[in-house]
PDB file of N, CA and C in Angstrom:
ATOM      1  N   GLN A   1     -70.232  25.925  -0.116  1.00  0.00           N
ATOM      2  CA  GLN A   1     -70.488  25.784   1.302  1.00  0.00           C
ATOM      3  C   GLN A   1     -69.338  26.422   2.086  1.00  0.00           C
ATOM      4  N   VAL A   2     -69.706  27.240   3.063  1.00  0.00           N
ATOM      5  CA  VAL A   2     -68.720  27.934   3.887  1.00  0.00           C
ATOM      6  C   VAL A   2     -68.385  27.068   5.086  1.00  0.00           C
ATOM      7  N   PRO A   3     -67.099  26.796   5.307  1.00  0.00           N
ATOM      8  CA  PRO A   3     -66.727  25.991   6.469  1.00  0.00           C
ATOM      9  C   PRO A   3     -66.923  26.748   7.778  1.00  0.00           C
ATOM     10  N   LEU A   4     -67.669  26.133   8.692  1.00  0.00           N
ATOM     11  CA  LEU A   4     -67.809  26.632  10.042  1.00  0.00           C
ATOM     12  C   LEU A   4     -67.425  25.490  10.977  1.00  0.00           C
ATOM     13  N   VAL A   5     -66.514  25.745  11.883  1.00  0.00           N
ATOM     14  CA  VAL A   5     -66.019  24.702  12.763  1.00  0.00           C
ATOM     15  C   VAL A   5     -66.213  25.115  14.211  1.00  0.00           C
ATOM     16  N   GLU A   6     -67.076  24.374  14.905  1.00  0.00           N
ATOM     17  CA  GLU A   6     -67.321  24.643  16.322  1.00  0.00           C
ATOM     18  C   GLU A   6     -66.324  23.877  17.191  1.00  0.00           C
ATOM     19  N   SER A   7     -66.063  24.424  18.356  1.00  0.00           N
ATOM     20  CA  SER A   7     -65.228  23.756  19.352  1.00  0.00           C
ATOM     21  C   SER A   7     -65.626  24.252  20.729  1.00  0.00           C
ATOM     22  N   GLY A   8     -65.152  23.533  21.751  1.00  0.00           N
ATOM     23  CA  GLY A   8     -65.389  23.972  23.114  1.00  0.00           C
ATOM     24  C   GLY A   8     -66.451  23.207  23.871  1.00  0.00           C
ATOM     25  N   GLY A   9     -67.128  22.310  23.197  1.00  0.00           N
ATOM     26  CA  GLY A   9     -68.122  21.515  23.891  1.00  0.00           C
ATOM     27  C   GLY A   9     -67.479  20.509  24.828  1.00  0.00           C
ATOM     28  N   GLY A  10     -68.318  19.855  25.615  1.00  0.00           N
ATOM     29  CA  GLY A  10     -67.801  18.850  26.535  1.00  0.00           C
ATOM     30  C   GLY A  10     -68.794  18.535  27.613  1.00  0.00           C
ATOM     31  N   LEU A  11     -68.297  17.869  28.643  1.00  0.00           N
ATOM     32  CA  LEU A  11     -69.115  17.471  29.787  1.00  0.00           C
ATOM     33  C   LEU A  11     -68.824  18.404  30.952  1.00  0.00           C
ATOM     34  N   VAL A  12     -69.876  18.923  31.557  1.00  0.00           N
ATOM     35  CA  VAL A  12     -69.723  19.850  32.675  1.00  0.00           C
ATOM     36  C   VAL A  12     -70.827  19.585  33.681  1.00  0.00           C
ATOM     37  N   GLN A  13     -70.549  19.850  34.942  1.00  0.00           N
ATOM     38  CA  GLN A  13     -71.567  19.692  35.972  1.00  0.00           C
ATOM     39  C   GLN A  13     -72.530  20.874  35.970  1.00  0.00           C
ATOM     40  N   ALA A  14     -73.709  20.627  36.452  1.00  0.00           N
ATOM     41  CA  ALA A  14     -74.695  21.694  36.566  1.00  0.00           C
ATOM     42  C   ALA A  14     -74.106  22.854  37.373  1.00  0.00           C
ATOM     43  N   GLY A  15     -74.359  24.061  36.890  1.00  0.00           N
ATOM     44  CA  GLY A  15     -73.805  25.239  37.522  1.00  0.00           C
ATOM     45  C   GLY A  15     -72.488  25.685  36.922  1.00  0.00           C
ATOM     46  N   GLY A  16     -71.914  24.838  36.084  1.00  0.00           N
ATOM     47  CA  GLY A  16     -70.633  25.146  35.474  1.00  0.00           C
ATOM     48  C   GLY A  16     -70.757  26.011  34.236  1.00  0.00           C
ATOM     49  N   SER A  17     -69.618  26.222  33.595  1.00  0.00           N
ATOM     50  CA  SER A  17     -69.553  27.094  32.419  1.00  0.00           C
ATOM     51  C   SER A  17     -68.777  26.426  31.293  1.00  0.00           C
ATOM     52  N   LEU A  18     -69.121  26.818  30.097  1.00  0.00           N
ATOM     53  CA  LEU A  18     -68.363  26.428  28.908  1.00  0.00           C
ATOM     54  C   LEU A  18     -68.350  27.606  27.948  1.00  0.00           C
ATOM     55  N   ARG A  19     -67.318  27.664  27.133  1.00  0.00           N
ATOM     56  CA  ARG A  19     -67.255  28.676  26.086  1.00  0.00           C
ATOM     57  C   ARG A  19     -67.091  27.981  24.748  1.00  0.00           C
ATOM     58  N   LEU A  20     -68.086  28.150  23.908  1.00  0.00           N
ATOM     59  CA  LEU A  20     -68.036  27.592  22.573  1.00  0.00           C
ATOM     60  C   LEU A  20     -67.423  28.598  21.610  1.00  0.00           C
ATOM     61  N   SER A  21     -66.678  28.083  20.653  1.00  0.00           N
ATOM     62  CA  SER A  21     -66.091  28.912  19.613  1.00  0.00           C
ATOM     63  C   SER A  21     -66.510  28.377  18.258  1.00  0.00           C
ATOM     64  N   CYS A  22     -66.568  29.267  17.304  1.00  0.00           N
ATOM     65  CA  CYS A  22     -66.883  28.869  15.931  1.00  0.00           C
ATOM     66  C   CYS A  22     -65.957  29.644  15.007  1.00  0.00           C
ATOM     67  N   ALA A  23     -65.116  28.926  14.321  1.00  0.00           N
ATOM     68  CA  ALA A  23     -64.191  29.532  13.360  1.00  0.00           C
ATOM     69  C   ALA A  23     -64.816  29.482  11.970  1.00  0.00           C
ATOM     70  N   VAL A  24     -64.766  30.599  11.275  1.00  0.00           N
ATOM     71  CA  VAL A  24     -65.425  30.726   9.977  1.00  0.00           C
ATOM     72  C   VAL A  24     -64.404  31.101   8.921  1.00  0.00           C
ATOM     73  N   SER A  25     -64.509  30.473   7.784  1.00  0.00           N
ATOM     74  CA  SER A  25     -63.660  30.819   6.657  1.00  0.00           C
ATOM     75  C   SER A  25     -64.493  30.821   5.389  1.00  0.00           C
ATOM     76  N   GLY A  26     -63.963  31.437   4.361  1.00  0.00           N
ATOM     77  CA  GLY A  26     -64.628  31.384   3.075  1.00  0.00           C
ATOM     78  C   GLY A  26     -65.638  32.464   2.798  1.00  0.00           C
ATOM     79  N   LEU A  27     -65.787  33.434   3.713  1.00  0.00           N
ATOM     80  CA  LEU A  27     -66.647  34.569   3.432  1.00  0.00           C
ATOM     81  C   LEU A  27     -66.088  35.787   4.152  1.00  0.00           C
ATOM     82  N   THR A  28     -66.600  36.945   3.787  1.00  0.00           N
ATOM     83  CA  THR A  28     -66.187  38.171   4.466  1.00  0.00           C
ATOM     84  C   THR A  28     -66.935  38.213   5.792  1.00  0.00           C
ATOM     85  N   PHE A  29     -66.316  37.612   6.804  1.00  0.00           N
ATOM     86  CA  PHE A  29     -66.989  37.329   8.060  1.00  0.00           C
ATOM     87  C   PHE A  29     -67.646  38.568   8.653  1.00  0.00           C
ATOM     88  N   SER A  30     -66.970  39.698   8.579  1.00  0.00           N
ATOM     89  CA  SER A  30     -67.472  40.898   9.243  1.00  0.00           C
ATOM     90  C   SER A  30     -68.763  41.430   8.638  1.00  0.00           C
ATOM     91  N   MET A  31     -69.199  40.874   7.527  1.00  0.00           N
ATOM     92  CA  MET A  31     -70.412  41.341   6.868  1.00  0.00           C
ATOM     93  C   MET A  31     -71.634  40.472   7.182  1.00  0.00           C
ATOM     94  N   TYR A  32     -71.449  39.402   7.956  1.00  0.00           N
ATOM     95  CA  TYR A  32     -72.526  38.435   8.150  1.00  0.00           C
ATOM     96  C   TYR A  32     -72.917  38.271   9.610  1.00  0.00           C
ATOM     97  N   GLY A  33     -74.232  38.260   9.823  1.00  0.00           N
ATOM     98  CA  GLY A  33     -74.715  37.912  11.133  1.00  0.00           C
ATOM     99  C   GLY A  33     -74.499  36.437  11.420  1.00  0.00           C
ATOM    100  N   MET A  34     -74.364  36.113  12.699  1.00  0.00           N
ATOM    101  CA  MET A  34     -74.100  34.744  13.112  1.00  0.00           C
ATOM    102  C   MET A  34     -75.084  34.331  14.190  1.00  0.00           C
ATOM    103  N   GLY A  35     -75.311  33.026  14.260  1.00  0.00           N
ATOM    104  CA  GLY A  35     -76.224  32.531  15.276  1.00  0.00           C
ATOM    105  C   GLY A  35     -75.747  31.220  15.861  1.00  0.00           C
ATOM    106  N   TRP A  36     -76.251  30.936  17.043  1.00  0.00           N
ATOM    107  CA  TRP A  36     -76.062  29.644  17.680  1.00  0.00           C
ATOM    108  C   TRP A  36     -77.429  28.992  17.848  1.00  0.00           C
ATOM    109  N   PHE A  37     -77.499  27.744  17.507  1.00  0.00           N
ATOM    110  CA  PHE A  37     -78.699  26.939  17.684  1.00  0.00           C
ATOM    111  C   PHE A  37     -78.307  25.660  18.398  1.00  0.00           C
ATOM    112  N   ARG A  38     -79.298  24.963  18.926  1.00  0.00           N
ATOM    113  CA  ARG A  38     -79.001  23.692  19.588  1.00  0.00           C
ATOM    114  C   ARG A  38     -80.114  22.691  19.324  1.00  0.00           C
ATOM    115  N   GLN A  39     -79.740  21.429  19.427  1.00  0.00           N
ATOM    116  CA  GLN A  39     -80.707  20.360  19.224  1.00  0.00           C
ATOM    117  C   GLN A  39     -80.465  19.271  20.256  1.00  0.00           C
ATOM    118  N   ALA A  40     -81.455  19.078  21.083  1.00  0.00           N
ATOM    119  CA  ALA A  40     -81.403  18.022  22.091  1.00  0.00           C
ATOM    120  C   ALA A  40     -81.947  16.725  21.496  1.00  0.00           C
ATOM    121  N   PRO A  41     -81.602  15.585  22.071  1.00  0.00           N
ATOM    122  CA  PRO A  41     -82.108  14.302  21.553  1.00  0.00           C
ATOM    123  C   PRO A  41     -83.627  14.285  21.499  1.00  0.00           C
ATOM    124  N   GLY A  42     -84.163  13.917  20.345  1.00  0.00           N
ATOM    125  CA  GLY A  42     -85.605  13.804  20.190  1.00  0.00           C
ATOM    126  C   GLY A  42     -86.330  15.132  20.045  1.00  0.00           C
ATOM    127  N   ALA A  43     -85.582  16.221  19.982  1.00  0.00           N
ATOM    128  CA  ALA A  43     -86.199  17.548  19.891  1.00  0.00           C
ATOM    129  C   ALA A  43     -85.809  18.223  18.580  1.00  0.00           C
ATOM    130  N   GLU A  44     -86.534  19.256  18.249  1.00  0.00           N
ATOM    131  CA  GLU A  44     -86.194  20.031  17.060  1.00  0.00           C
ATOM    132  C   GLU A  44     -85.061  21.010  17.382  1.00  0.00           C
ATOM    133  N   ARG A  45     -84.379  21.429  16.342  1.00  0.00           N
ATOM    134  CA  ARG A  45     -83.335  22.428  16.523  1.00  0.00           C
ATOM    135  C   ARG A  45     -83.974  23.743  16.964  1.00  0.00           C
ATOM    136  N   GLU A  46     -83.376  24.393  17.941  1.00  0.00           N
ATOM    137  CA  GLU A  46     -83.949  25.629  18.458  1.00  0.00           C
ATOM    138  C   GLU A  46     -82.906  26.738  18.506  1.00  0.00           C
ATOM    139  N   PHE A  47     -83.409  27.949  18.415  1.00  0.00           N
ATOM    140  CA  PHE A  47     -82.573  29.137  18.475  1.00  0.00           C
ATOM    141  C   PHE A  47     -82.021  29.322  19.879  1.00  0.00           C
ATOM    142  N   VAL A  48     -80.750  29.741  19.956  1.00  0.00           N
ATOM    143  CA  VAL A  48     -80.122  30.043  21.237  1.00  0.00           C
ATOM    144  C   VAL A  48     -79.747  31.521  21.322  1.00  0.00           C
ATOM    145  N   ALA A  49     -78.959  31.981  20.361  1.00  0.00           N
ATOM    146  CA  ALA A  49     -78.481  33.358  20.401  1.00  0.00           C
ATOM    147  C   ALA A  49     -78.040  33.774  19.011  1.00  0.00           C
ATOM    148  N   ALA A  50     -78.065  35.081  18.761  1.00  0.00           N
ATOM    149  CA  ALA A  50     -77.628  35.598  17.471  1.00  0.00           C
ATOM    150  C   ALA A  50     -76.992  36.960  17.668  1.00  0.00           C
ATOM    151  N   ILE A  51     -76.132  37.296  16.717  1.00  0.00           N
ATOM    152  CA  ILE A  51     -75.429  38.571  16.758  1.00  0.00           C
ATOM    153  C   ILE A  51     -75.349  39.109  15.339  1.00  0.00           C
ATOM    154  N   ASN A  52     -75.525  40.412  15.204  1.00  0.00           N
ATOM    155  CA  ASN A  52     -75.503  40.948  13.857  1.00  0.00           C
ATOM    156  C   ASN A  52     -74.064  41.133  13.369  1.00  0.00           C
ATOM    157  N   TRP A  53     -73.915  41.589  12.134  1.00  0.00           N
ATOM    158  CA  TRP A  53     -72.604  41.653  11.513  1.00  0.00           C
ATOM    159  C   TRP A  53     -71.630  42.548  12.258  1.00  0.00           C
ATOM    160  N   SER A  54     -72.124  43.611  12.879  1.00  0.00           N
ATOM    161  CA  SER A  54     -71.240  44.551  13.556  1.00  0.00           C
ATOM    162  C   SER A  54     -70.941  44.146  14.993  1.00  0.00           C
ATOM    163  N   GLY A  55     -71.795  43.297  15.533  1.00  0.00           N
ATOM    164  CA  GLY A  55     -71.645  42.910  16.925  1.00  0.00           C
ATOM    165  C   GLY A  55     -72.398  43.796  17.892  1.00  0.00           C
ATOM    166  N   PHE A  56     -73.069  44.822  17.383  1.00  0.00           N
ATOM    167  CA  PHE A  56     -73.750  45.762  18.262  1.00  0.00           C
ATOM    168  C   PHE A  56     -75.189  45.339  18.595  1.00  0.00           C
ATOM    169  N   SER A  57     -75.681  44.333  17.926  1.00  0.00           N
ATOM    170  CA  SER A  57     -77.045  43.886  18.181  1.00  0.00           C
ATOM    171  C   SER A  57     -77.048  42.388  18.421  1.00  0.00           C
ATOM    172  N   THR A  58     -77.714  41.979  19.496  1.00  0.00           N
ATOM    173  CA  THR A  58     -77.788  40.562  19.840  1.00  0.00           C
ATOM    174  C   THR A  58     -79.218  40.191  20.200  1.00  0.00           C
ATOM    175  N   SER A  59     -79.477  38.898  20.184  1.00  0.00           N
ATOM    176  CA  SER A  59     -80.774  38.392  20.594  1.00  0.00           C
ATOM    177  C   SER A  59     -80.563  37.039  21.250  1.00  0.00           C
ATOM    178  N   TYR A  60     -81.404  36.723  22.244  1.00  0.00           N
ATOM    179  CA  TYR A  60     -81.273  35.486  22.993  1.00  0.00           C
ATOM    180  C   TYR A  60     -82.624  34.816  23.164  1.00  0.00           C
ATOM    181  N   ALA A  61     -82.600  33.494  23.200  1.00  0.00           N
ATOM    182  CA  ALA A  61     -83.790  32.765  23.600  1.00  0.00           C
ATOM    183  C   ALA A  61     -84.070  33.050  25.072  1.00  0.00           C
ATOM    184  N   ASP A  62     -85.331  33.055  25.442  1.00  0.00           N
ATOM    185  CA  ASP A  62     -85.691  33.340  26.828  1.00  0.00           C
ATOM    186  C   ASP A  62     -85.035  32.355  27.785  1.00  0.00           C
ATOM    187  N   SER A  63     -84.854  31.129  27.337  1.00  0.00           N
ATOM    188  CA  SER A  63     -84.330  30.090  28.218  1.00  0.00           C
ATOM    189  C   SER A  63     -82.861  30.295  28.583  1.00  0.00           C
ATOM    190  N   VAL A  64     -82.148  31.124  27.827  1.00  0.00           N
ATOM    191  CA  VAL A  64     -80.723  31.318  28.098  1.00  0.00           C
ATOM    192  C   VAL A  64     -80.398  32.759  28.464  1.00  0.00           C
ATOM    193  N   LYS A  65     -81.375  33.625  28.399  1.00  0.00           N
ATOM    194  CA  LYS A  65     -81.139  35.032  28.661  1.00  0.00           C
ATOM    195  C   LYS A  65     -80.597  35.224  30.079  1.00  0.00           C
ATOM    196  N   GLY A  66     -79.536  35.997  30.186  1.00  0.00           N
ATOM    197  CA  GLY A  66     -78.919  36.234  31.484  1.00  0.00           C
ATOM    198  C   GLY A  66     -77.868  35.209  31.861  1.00  0.00           C
ATOM    199  N   ARG A  67     -77.797  34.107  31.117  1.00  0.00           N
ATOM    200  CA  ARG A  67     -76.797  33.066  31.401  1.00  0.00           C
ATOM    201  C   ARG A  67     -75.788  32.923  30.260  1.00  0.00           C
ATOM    202  N   PHE A  68     -76.246  33.119  29.033  1.00  0.00           N
ATOM    203  CA  PHE A  68     -75.384  32.955  27.867  1.00  0.00           C
ATOM    204  C   PHE A  68     -75.065  34.320  27.275  1.00  0.00           C
ATOM    205  N   THR A  69     -73.885  34.432  26.678  1.00  0.00           N
ATOM    206  CA  THR A  69     -73.473  35.657  26.004  1.00  0.00           C
ATOM    207  C   THR A  69     -72.838  35.306  24.665  1.00  0.00           C
ATOM    208  N   ILE A  70     -73.366  35.887  23.615  1.00  0.00           N
ATOM    209  CA  ILE A  70     -72.778  35.704  22.296  1.00  0.00           C
ATOM    210  C   ILE A  70     -71.887  36.901  21.996  1.00  0.00           C
ATOM    211  N   SER A  71     -70.767  36.639  21.346  1.00  0.00           N
ATOM    212  CA  SER A  71     -69.855  37.708  20.965  1.00  0.00           C
ATOM    213  C   SER A  71     -69.130  37.297  19.693  1.00  0.00           C
ATOM    214  N   ARG A  72     -68.456  38.242  19.092  1.00  0.00           N
ATOM    215  CA  ARG A  72     -67.715  37.940  17.883  1.00  0.00           C
ATOM    216  C   ARG A  72     -66.435  38.740  17.841  1.00  0.00           C
ATOM    217  N   ASP A  73     -65.462  38.207  17.138  1.00  0.00           N
ATOM    218  CA  ASP A  73     -64.198  38.891  16.910  1.00  0.00           C
ATOM    219  C   ASP A  73     -63.980  38.896  15.400  1.00  0.00           C
ATOM    220  N   ASN A  74     -64.279  40.001  14.775  1.00  0.00           N
ATOM    221  CA  ASN A  74     -64.199  40.055  13.316  1.00  0.00           C
ATOM    222  C   ASN A  74     -62.767  39.967  12.813  1.00  0.00           C
ATOM    223  N   ALA A  75     -61.808  40.305  13.657  1.00  0.00           N
ATOM    224  CA  ALA A  75     -60.407  40.184  13.256  1.00  0.00           C
ATOM    225  C   ALA A  75     -59.961  38.727  13.213  1.00  0.00           C
ATOM    226  N   LYS A  76     -60.638  37.894  13.988  1.00  0.00           N
ATOM    227  CA  LYS A  76     -60.287  36.471  14.053  1.00  0.00           C
ATOM    228  C   LYS A  76     -61.277  35.589  13.309  1.00  0.00           C
ATOM    229  N   ASN A  77     -62.281  36.204  12.675  1.00  0.00           N
ATOM    230  CA  ASN A  77     -63.313  35.422  11.975  1.00  0.00           C
ATOM    231  C   ASN A  77     -63.918  34.366  12.894  1.00  0.00           C
ATOM    232  N   ALA A  78     -64.310  34.802  14.076  1.00  0.00           N
ATOM    233  CA  ALA A  78     -64.822  33.844  15.043  1.00  0.00           C
ATOM    234  C   ALA A  78     -66.006  34.416  15.805  1.00  0.00           C
ATOM    235  N   VAL A  79     -66.881  33.519  16.193  1.00  0.00           N
ATOM    236  CA  VAL A  79     -68.016  33.862  17.046  1.00  0.00           C
ATOM    237  C   VAL A  79     -67.973  32.932  18.249  1.00  0.00           C
ATOM    238  N   TYR A  80     -68.417  33.453  19.389  1.00  0.00           N
ATOM    239  CA  TYR A  80     -68.313  32.718  20.639  1.00  0.00           C
ATOM    240  C   TYR A  80     -69.661  32.653  21.344  1.00  0.00           C
ATOM    241  N   LEU A  81     -69.802  31.660  22.180  1.00  0.00           N
ATOM    242  CA  LEU A  81     -70.968  31.565  23.046  1.00  0.00           C
ATOM    243  C   LEU A  81     -70.474  31.200  24.440  1.00  0.00           C
ATOM    244  N   GLN A  82     -70.511  32.172  25.332  1.00  0.00           N
ATOM    245  CA  GLN A  82     -70.157  31.945  26.724  1.00  0.00           C
ATOM    246  C   GLN A  82     -71.398  31.458  27.454  1.00  0.00           C
ATOM    247  N   MET A  83     -71.310  30.283  28.059  1.00  0.00           N
ATOM    248  CA  MET A  83     -72.460  29.675  28.716  1.00  0.00           C
ATOM    249  C   MET A  83     -72.155  29.500  30.192  1.00  0.00           C
ATOM    250  N   ASN A  84     -72.931  30.173  31.016  1.00  0.00           N
ATOM    251  CA  ASN A  84     -72.759  30.101  32.466  1.00  0.00           C
ATOM    252  C   ASN A  84     -73.997  29.495  33.115  1.00  0.00           C
ATOM    253  N   SER A  85     -73.848  29.073  34.337  1.00  0.00           N
ATOM    254  CA  SER A  85     -74.959  28.510  35.117  1.00  0.00           C
ATOM    255  C   SER A  85     -75.692  27.436  34.320  1.00  0.00           C
ATOM    256  N   LEU A  86     -74.944  26.540  33.764  1.00  0.00           N
ATOM    257  CA  LEU A  86     -75.526  25.499  32.917  1.00  0.00           C
ATOM    258  C   LEU A  86     -76.386  24.543  33.727  1.00  0.00           C
ATOM    259  N   THR A  87     -77.439  24.072  33.091  1.00  0.00           N
ATOM    260  CA  THR A  87     -78.334  23.087  33.689  1.00  0.00           C
ATOM    261  C   THR A  87     -78.434  21.890  32.743  1.00  0.00           C
ATOM    262  N   PRO A  88     -78.935  20.767  33.256  1.00  0.00           N
ATOM    263  CA  PRO A  88     -79.102  19.605  32.374  1.00  0.00           C
ATOM    264  C   PRO A  88     -79.968  19.894  31.147  1.00  0.00           C
ATOM    265  N   ASP A  89     -80.887  20.855  31.268  1.00  0.00           N
ATOM    266  CA  ASP A  89     -81.725  21.210  30.116  1.00  0.00           C
ATOM    267  C   ASP A  89     -80.941  21.849  28.984  1.00  0.00           C
ATOM    268  N   ASP A  90     -79.721  22.259  29.247  1.00  0.00           N
ATOM    269  CA  ASP A  90     -78.868  22.831  28.204  1.00  0.00           C
ATOM    270  C   ASP A  90     -78.132  21.755  27.411  1.00  0.00           C
ATOM    271  N   THR A  91     -78.272  20.515  27.798  1.00  0.00           N
ATOM    272  CA  THR A  91     -77.615  19.425  27.085  1.00  0.00           C
ATOM    273  C   THR A  91     -78.154  19.327  25.662  1.00  0.00           C
ATOM    274  N   ALA A  92     -77.255  19.389  24.704  1.00  0.00           N
ATOM    275  CA  ALA A  92     -77.655  19.378  23.295  1.00  0.00           C
ATOM    276  C   ALA A  92     -76.395  19.429  22.426  1.00  0.00           C
ATOM    277  N   VAL A  93     -76.608  19.239  21.143  1.00  0.00           N
ATOM    278  CA  VAL A  93     -75.565  19.560  20.167  1.00  0.00           C
ATOM    279  C   VAL A  93     -75.759  21.014  19.774  1.00  0.00           C
ATOM    280  N   TYR A  94     -74.693  21.771  19.854  1.00  0.00           N
ATOM    281  CA  TYR A  94     -74.762  23.194  19.559  1.00  0.00           C
ATOM    282  C   TYR A  94     -74.141  23.458  18.189  1.00  0.00           C
ATOM    283  N   TYR A  95     -74.872  24.232  17.388  1.00  0.00           N
ATOM    284  CA  TYR A  95     -74.443  24.547  16.036  1.00  0.00           C
ATOM    285  C   TYR A  95     -74.269  26.055  15.871  1.00  0.00           C
ATOM    286  N   CYS A  96     -73.230  26.457  15.193  1.00  0.00           N
ATOM    287  CA  CYS A  96     -73.161  27.849  14.775  1.00  0.00           C
ATOM    288  C   CYS A  96     -73.562  27.926  13.305  1.00  0.00           C
ATOM    289  N   ALA A  97     -74.035  29.097  12.934  1.00  0.00           N
ATOM    290  CA  ALA A  97     -74.544  29.274  11.581  1.00  0.00           C
ATOM    291  C   ALA A  97     -74.309  30.706  11.124  1.00  0.00           C
ATOM    292  N   ALA A  98     -74.143  30.859   9.822  1.00  0.00           N
ATOM    293  CA  ALA A  98     -73.953  32.174   9.214  1.00  0.00           C
ATOM    294  C   ALA A  98     -75.187  32.531   8.400  1.00  0.00           C
ATOM    295  N   GLN A  99     -75.608  33.773   8.508  1.00  0.00           N
ATOM    296  CA  GLN A  99     -76.786  34.212   7.769  1.00  0.00           C
ATOM    297  C   GLN A  99     -76.565  34.144   6.265  1.00  0.00           C
ATOM    298  N   ARG A 100     -77.660  34.020   5.554  1.00  0.00           N
ATOM    299  CA  ARG A 100     -77.594  33.935   4.095  1.00  0.00           C
ATOM    300  C   ARG A 100     -77.159  35.250   3.472  1.00  0.00           C
ATOM    301  N   GLY A 101     -77.691  36.371   3.952  1.00  0.00           N
ATOM    302  CA  GLY A 101     -77.394  37.661   3.367  1.00  0.00           C
ATOM    303  C   GLY A 101     -76.475  38.477   4.250  1.00  0.00           C
ATOM    304  N   SER A 102     -75.798  39.437   3.639  1.00  0.00           N
ATOM    305  CA  SER A 102     -74.847  40.254   4.388  1.00  0.00           C
ATOM    306  C   SER A 102     -75.515  41.518   4.936  1.00  0.00           C
ATOM    307  N   LEU A 103     -74.902  42.037   5.997  1.00  0.00           N
ATOM    308  CA  LEU A 103     -75.282  43.326   6.582  1.00  0.00           C
ATOM    309  C   LEU A 103     -76.754  43.375   7.006  1.00  0.00           C
ATOM    310  N   GLY A 104     -77.291  42.236   7.378  1.00  0.00           N
ATOM    311  CA  GLY A 104     -78.688  42.194   7.779  1.00  0.00           C
ATOM    312  C   GLY A 104     -78.873  42.395   9.275  1.00  0.00           C
ATOM    313  N   ARG A 105     -80.128  42.437   9.677  1.00  0.00           N
ATOM    314  CA  ARG A 105     -80.429  42.575  11.101  1.00  0.00           C
ATOM    315  C   ARG A 105     -80.295  41.214  11.774  1.00  0.00           C
ATOM    316  N   VAL A 106     -80.354  41.213  13.089  1.00  0.00           N
ATOM    317  CA  VAL A 106     -80.306  39.963  13.833  1.00  0.00           C
ATOM    318  C   VAL A 106     -81.519  39.101  13.474  1.00  0.00           C
ATOM    319  N   ARG A 107     -81.297  37.826  13.256  1.00  0.00           N
ATOM    320  CA  ARG A 107     -82.381  36.911  12.910  1.00  0.00           C
ATOM    321  C   ARG A 107     -82.389  35.725  13.869  1.00  0.00           C
ATOM    322  N   VAL A 108     -83.578  35.321  14.276  1.00  0.00           N
ATOM    323  CA  VAL A 108     -83.701  34.202  15.213  1.00  0.00           C
ATOM    324  C   VAL A 108     -84.244  32.948  14.532  1.00  0.00           C
ATOM    325  N   ASP A 109     -84.707  33.079  13.308  1.00  0.00           N
ATOM    326  CA  ASP A 109     -85.270  31.930  12.595  1.00  0.00           C
ATOM    327  C   ASP A 109     -84.182  31.202  11.824  1.00  0.00           C
ATOM    328  N   SER A 110     -84.186  29.901  11.906  1.00  0.00           N
ATOM    329  CA  SER A 110     -83.130  29.108  11.271  1.00  0.00           C
ATOM    330  C   SER A 110     -83.133  29.241   9.763  1.00  0.00           C
ATOM    331  N   THR A 111     -84.253  29.590   9.173  1.00  0.00           N
ATOM    332  CA  THR A 111     -84.327  29.714   7.713  1.00  0.00           C
ATOM    333  C   THR A 111     -83.485  30.870   7.182  1.00  0.00           C
ATOM    334  N   ALA A 112     -83.099  31.777   8.062  1.00  0.00           N
ATOM    335  CA  ALA A 112     -82.280  32.916   7.662  1.00  0.00           C
ATOM    336  C   ALA A 112     -80.804  32.550   7.527  1.00  0.00           C
ATOM    337  N   TYR A 113     -80.473  31.339   7.919  1.00  0.00           N
ATOM    338  CA  TYR A 113     -79.076  30.920   7.957  1.00  0.00           C
ATOM    339  C   TYR A 113     -78.803  29.879   6.883  1.00  0.00           C
ATOM    340  N   GLY A 114     -77.752  30.118   6.111  1.00  0.00           N
ATOM    341  CA  GLY A 114     -77.490  29.254   4.978  1.00  0.00           C
ATOM    342  C   GLY A 114     -76.293  28.350   5.125  1.00  0.00           C
ATOM    343  N   ASN A 115     -75.469  28.610   6.129  1.00  0.00           N
ATOM    344  CA  ASN A 115     -74.269  27.803   6.333  1.00  0.00           C
ATOM    345  C   ASN A 115     -74.210  27.376   7.788  1.00  0.00           C
ATOM    346  N   TRP A 116     -73.973  26.099   7.988  1.00  0.00           N
ATOM    347  CA  TRP A 116     -74.015  25.521   9.324  1.00  0.00           C
ATOM    348  C   TRP A 116     -72.749  24.706   9.597  1.00  0.00           C
ATOM    349  N   GLY A 117     -72.343  24.726  10.859  1.00  0.00           N
ATOM    350  CA  GLY A 117     -71.257  23.861  11.274  1.00  0.00           C
ATOM    351  C   GLY A 117     -71.747  22.456  11.557  1.00  0.00           C
ATOM    352  N   GLN A 118     -70.821  21.600  11.935  1.00  0.00           N
ATOM    353  CA  GLN A 118     -71.155  20.203  12.207  1.00  0.00           C
ATOM    354  C   GLN A 118     -71.682  19.998  13.624  1.00  0.00           C
ATOM    355  N   GLY A 119     -71.491  20.968  14.463  1.00  0.00           N
ATOM    356  CA  GLY A 119     -72.013  20.882  15.817  1.00  0.00           C
ATOM    357  C   GLY A 119     -70.984  20.405  16.827  1.00  0.00           C
ATOM    358  N   THR A 120     -71.188  20.798  18.075  1.00  0.00           N
ATOM    359  CA  THR A 120     -70.355  20.352  19.169  1.00  0.00           C
ATOM    360  C   THR A 120     -71.263  19.948  20.333  1.00  0.00           C
ATOM    361  N   GLN A 121     -70.973  18.818  20.933  1.00  0.00           N
ATOM    362  CA  GLN A 121     -71.823  18.278  21.978  1.00  0.00           C
ATOM    363  C   GLN A 121     -71.549  18.973  23.310  1.00  0.00           C
ATOM    364  N   VAL A 122     -72.616  19.389  23.955  1.00  0.00           N
ATOM    365  CA  VAL A 122     -72.548  19.919  25.314  1.00  0.00           C
ATOM    366  C   VAL A 122     -73.418  19.028  26.192  1.00  0.00           C
ATOM    367  N   THR A 123     -72.830  18.477  27.224  1.00  0.00           N
ATOM    368  CA  THR A 123     -73.552  17.618  28.149  1.00  0.00           C
ATOM    369  C   THR A 123     -73.393  18.170  29.558  1.00  0.00           C
ATOM    370  N   VAL A 124     -74.512  18.416  30.202  1.00  0.00           N
ATOM    371  CA  VAL A 124     -74.511  18.962  31.557  1.00  0.00           C
ATOM    372  C   VAL A 124     -75.077  17.900  32.494  1.00  0.00           C
ATOM    373  N   SER A 125     -74.266  17.489  33.439  1.00  0.00           N
ATOM    374  CA  SER A 125     -74.700  16.456  34.383  1.00  0.00           C
ATOM    375  C   SER A 125     -75.287  17.113  35.626  1.00  0.00           C
ATOM    376  N   SER A 126     -76.222  16.403  36.234  1.00  0.00           N
ATOM    377  CA  SER A 126     -76.887  16.953  37.432  1.00  0.00           C
ATOM    378  C   SER A 126     -76.162  16.570  38.698  1.00  0.00           C
TER     379      SER A 126
END
């Protein structure tokens, strides 16, 4: 199991911003696509954003497009999720995940990801 550690969650007012970070160890980070998913209480885990191994290709859920930005720093073995214009509907536990295979295309389905972090809570108050 590859350790993935998320940080940066917290409580923020609607309209505010947060930046999530995910530190990855135990694999050749620059060869793996990464994704962010979230799970709200009583809901299934859903795709938020993904980035391919090189960082040149990204994908976003429609609900966050234009507000969230995924990025990566291969020198630091880290992936980030910049979240702006947050709304209460963004309240969830956010998970980062690493794809199962290396050098693949961007994937939005959770089955493509084999390593998951423990999650970080994001709460947006109205």
